[in-house]
């Protein structure tokens, strides 16, 4: 498994995902494009999956639920 380093952008993405989940767990899904807009378009929607994958690996490593 590769080493995962969590950057400020990873944290912003995680915060937006958690906010959405807290508001309405039954309707927490969103598009990559919408998520990118929520973090100020700092990343292209085609690349955000890599960040989400990193977050999932990190969550797994610390024993938290994966994204």
N, C-alpha and C. Protein backbone atom coordinates (compact mmCIF):
# COMPACT_ATOMS: atom_id res chain seq x y z
N UNK A 1 0.85 -1.17 0.00
CA UNK A 1 0.00 0.00 0.00
C UNK A 1 0.89 1.23 0.00
N UNK A 2 0.55 2.21 -0.83
CA UNK A 2 1.37 3.41 -0.92
C UNK A 2 1.17 4.31 0.30
N UNK A 3 2.18 5.13 0.57
CA UNK A 3 2.07 6.09 1.66
C UNK A 3 1.08 7.18 1.26
N UNK A 4 0.26 7.57 2.19
CA UNK A 4 -0.74 8.60 1.91
C UNK A 4 -0.46 9.80 2.79
N UNK A 5 -0.34 10.94 2.15
CA UNK A 5 -0.13 12.20 2.86
C UNK A 5 -1.37 13.05 2.66
N UNK A 6 -1.92 13.52 3.74
CA UNK A 6 -3.14 14.32 3.68
C UNK A 6 -2.76 15.80 3.62
N UNK A 7 -3.17 16.44 2.54
CA UNK A 7 -2.88 17.85 2.33
C UNK A 7 -4.06 18.71 2.78
N UNK A 8 -3.87 20.01 2.72
CA UNK A 8 -4.97 20.93 3.05
C UNK A 8 -6.16 20.69 2.12
N UNK A 9 -5.89 20.39 0.85
CA UNK A 9 -6.99 20.14 -0.09
C UNK A 9 -7.73 18.86 0.28
N UNK A 10 -7.02 17.83 0.70
CA UNK A 10 -7.68 16.61 1.18
C UNK A 10 -8.63 16.96 2.34
N UNK A 11 -8.14 17.78 3.26
CA UNK A 11 -8.95 18.17 4.42
C UNK A 11 -10.20 18.93 3.99
N UNK A 12 -10.06 19.84 3.03
CA UNK A 12 -11.22 20.60 2.54
C UNK A 12 -12.24 19.67 1.91
N UNK A 13 -11.77 18.72 1.13
CA UNK A 13 -12.67 17.76 0.49
C UNK A 13 -13.39 16.95 1.56
N UNK A 14 -12.66 16.45 2.54
CA UNK A 14 -13.26 15.66 3.61
C UNK A 14 -14.31 16.46 4.37
N UNK A 15 -14.01 17.72 4.67
CA UNK A 15 -14.96 18.57 5.39
C UNK A 15 -16.26 18.74 4.61
N UNK A 16 -16.15 18.94 3.30
CA UNK A 16 -17.35 19.11 2.48
C UNK A 16 -18.16 17.82 2.42
N UNK A 17 -17.48 16.68 2.33
CA UNK A 17 -18.18 15.41 2.32
C UNK A 17 -18.91 15.17 3.65
N UNK A 18 -18.25 15.49 4.74
CA UNK A 18 -18.86 15.31 6.06
C UNK A 18 -20.04 16.26 6.25
N UNK A 19 -19.88 17.52 5.80
CA UNK A 19 -21.00 18.48 5.90
C UNK A 19 -22.23 17.95 5.19
N UNK A 20 -22.02 17.44 3.98
CA UNK A 20 -23.14 16.92 3.19
C UNK A 20 -23.79 15.73 3.90
N UNK A 21 -22.99 14.86 4.44
CA UNK A 21 -23.50 13.69 5.13
C UNK A 21 -24.28 14.07 6.38
N UNK A 22 -23.81 15.06 7.11
CA UNK A 22 -24.50 15.50 8.33
C UNK A 22 -25.84 16.14 8.02
N UNK A 23 -25.90 16.89 6.90
CA UNK A 23 -27.15 17.57 6.54
C UNK A 23 -28.25 16.58 6.24
N UNK A 24 -27.93 15.57 5.45
CA UNK A 24 -28.96 14.60 5.06
C UNK A 24 -28.29 13.30 4.64
N UNK A 25 -28.11 12.38 5.56
CA UNK A 25 -27.43 11.11 5.25
C UNK A 25 -28.11 10.31 4.15
N UNK A 26 -29.41 10.49 3.98
CA UNK A 26 -30.14 9.74 2.96
C UNK A 26 -29.90 10.30 1.55
N UNK A 27 -29.39 11.51 1.48
CA UNK A 27 -29.17 12.15 0.18
C UNK A 27 -27.80 12.84 0.17
N UNK A 28 -26.77 12.11 0.52
CA UNK A 28 -25.44 12.70 0.66
C UNK A 28 -24.61 12.65 -0.61
N UNK A 29 -25.08 11.95 -1.62
CA UNK A 29 -24.28 11.84 -2.85
C UNK A 29 -24.20 13.17 -3.58
N UNK A 30 -23.07 13.38 -4.26
CA UNK A 30 -22.91 14.56 -5.11
C UNK A 30 -21.95 14.21 -6.23
N UNK A 31 -21.97 15.00 -7.27
CA UNK A 31 -21.07 14.75 -8.40
C UNK A 31 -19.67 15.26 -8.07
N UNK A 32 -18.69 14.75 -8.79
CA UNK A 32 -17.33 15.25 -8.62
C UNK A 32 -17.28 16.74 -8.92
N UNK A 33 -18.01 17.17 -9.94
CA UNK A 33 -18.04 18.59 -10.30
C UNK A 33 -18.57 19.46 -9.18
N UNK A 34 -19.64 19.00 -8.53
CA UNK A 34 -20.21 19.74 -7.41
C UNK A 34 -19.22 19.82 -6.26
N UNK A 35 -18.56 18.70 -5.96
CA UNK A 35 -17.57 18.69 -4.89
C UNK A 35 -16.42 19.64 -5.20
N UNK A 36 -15.98 19.66 -6.44
CA UNK A 36 -14.90 20.57 -6.84
C UNK A 36 -15.31 22.02 -6.63
N UNK A 37 -16.54 22.35 -6.98
CA UNK A 37 -17.03 23.72 -6.77
C UNK A 37 -17.02 24.08 -5.29
N UNK A 38 -17.40 23.12 -4.44
CA UNK A 38 -17.45 23.39 -3.00
C UNK A 38 -16.07 23.66 -2.41
N UNK A 39 -15.02 23.17 -3.04
CA UNK A 39 -13.67 23.44 -2.55
C UNK A 39 -12.98 24.51 -3.40
N UNK A 40 -13.78 25.33 -4.05
CA UNK A 40 -13.26 26.49 -4.77
C UNK A 40 -12.61 26.17 -6.10
N UNK A 41 -13.03 25.08 -6.74
CA UNK A 41 -12.48 24.68 -8.03
C UNK A 41 -10.96 24.59 -8.03
N UNK A 42 -10.41 24.11 -6.92
CA UNK A 42 -8.96 23.98 -6.80
C UNK A 42 -8.44 22.73 -7.51
N UNK A 43 -9.35 21.89 -7.97
CA UNK A 43 -8.96 20.66 -8.65
C UNK A 43 -9.97 20.34 -9.75
N UNK A 44 -9.51 19.72 -10.79
CA UNK A 44 -10.35 19.31 -11.90
C UNK A 44 -11.18 18.10 -11.49
N UNK A 45 -12.47 18.07 -11.85
CA UNK A 45 -13.31 16.93 -11.49
C UNK A 45 -12.74 15.58 -11.97
N UNK A 46 -11.95 15.60 -13.02
CA UNK A 46 -11.36 14.35 -13.52
C UNK A 46 -10.27 13.82 -12.59
N UNK A 47 -9.75 14.66 -11.71
CA UNK A 47 -8.66 14.26 -10.82
C UNK A 47 -9.07 14.09 -9.37
N UNK A 48 -10.27 14.50 -9.02
CA UNK A 48 -10.67 14.46 -7.61
C UNK A 48 -10.79 13.04 -7.07
N UNK A 49 -11.04 12.08 -7.94
CA UNK A 49 -11.14 10.68 -7.48
C UNK A 49 -9.85 10.24 -6.80
N UNK A 50 -8.71 10.74 -7.24
CA UNK A 50 -7.43 10.39 -6.61
C UNK A 50 -7.40 10.88 -5.16
N UNK A 51 -7.90 12.07 -4.93
CA UNK A 51 -7.94 12.62 -3.58
C UNK A 51 -8.90 11.83 -2.69
N UNK A 52 -10.06 11.48 -3.25
CA UNK A 52 -11.03 10.70 -2.50
C UNK A 52 -10.44 9.32 -2.18
N UNK A 53 -9.73 8.74 -3.12
CA UNK A 53 -9.07 7.46 -2.88
C UNK A 53 -8.04 7.56 -1.77
N UNK A 54 -7.25 8.64 -1.78
CA UNK A 54 -6.27 8.85 -0.71
C UNK A 54 -6.96 8.94 0.65
N UNK A 55 -8.08 9.67 0.68
CA UNK A 55 -8.82 9.81 1.94
C UNK A 55 -9.35 8.45 2.41
N UNK A 56 -9.81 7.63 1.49
CA UNK A 56 -10.31 6.31 1.85
C UNK A 56 -9.20 5.43 2.42
N UNK A 57 -8.03 5.47 1.79
CA UNK A 57 -6.90 4.69 2.29
C UNK A 57 -6.51 5.18 3.68
N UNK A 58 -6.45 6.49 3.86
CA UNK A 58 -6.09 7.06 5.16
C UNK A 58 -7.12 6.65 6.22
N UNK A 59 -8.41 6.73 5.88
CA UNK A 59 -9.46 6.33 6.82
C UNK A 59 -9.28 4.87 7.22
N UNK A 60 -8.98 4.03 6.25
CA UNK A 60 -8.78 2.60 6.53
C UNK A 60 -7.60 2.40 7.48
N UNK A 61 -6.53 3.14 7.25
CA UNK A 61 -5.34 3.01 8.09
C UNK A 61 -5.59 3.39 9.53
N UNK A 62 -6.48 4.34 9.76
CA UNK A 62 -6.73 4.78 11.14
C UNK A 62 -7.96 4.09 11.74
N UNK A 63 -8.55 3.18 10.99
CA UNK A 63 -9.68 2.42 11.51
C UNK A 63 -11.02 3.11 11.37
N UNK A 64 -11.08 4.17 10.59
CA UNK A 64 -12.34 4.89 10.36
C UNK A 64 -13.06 4.28 9.16
N UNK A 65 -14.35 4.53 9.02
CA UNK A 65 -15.07 4.03 7.84
C UNK A 65 -14.50 4.65 6.57
N UNK A 66 -14.35 3.85 5.55
CA UNK A 66 -13.84 4.37 4.28
C UNK A 66 -14.92 5.18 3.58
N UNK A 67 -14.49 6.08 2.74
CA UNK A 67 -15.43 6.93 1.99
C UNK A 67 -16.06 6.11 0.89
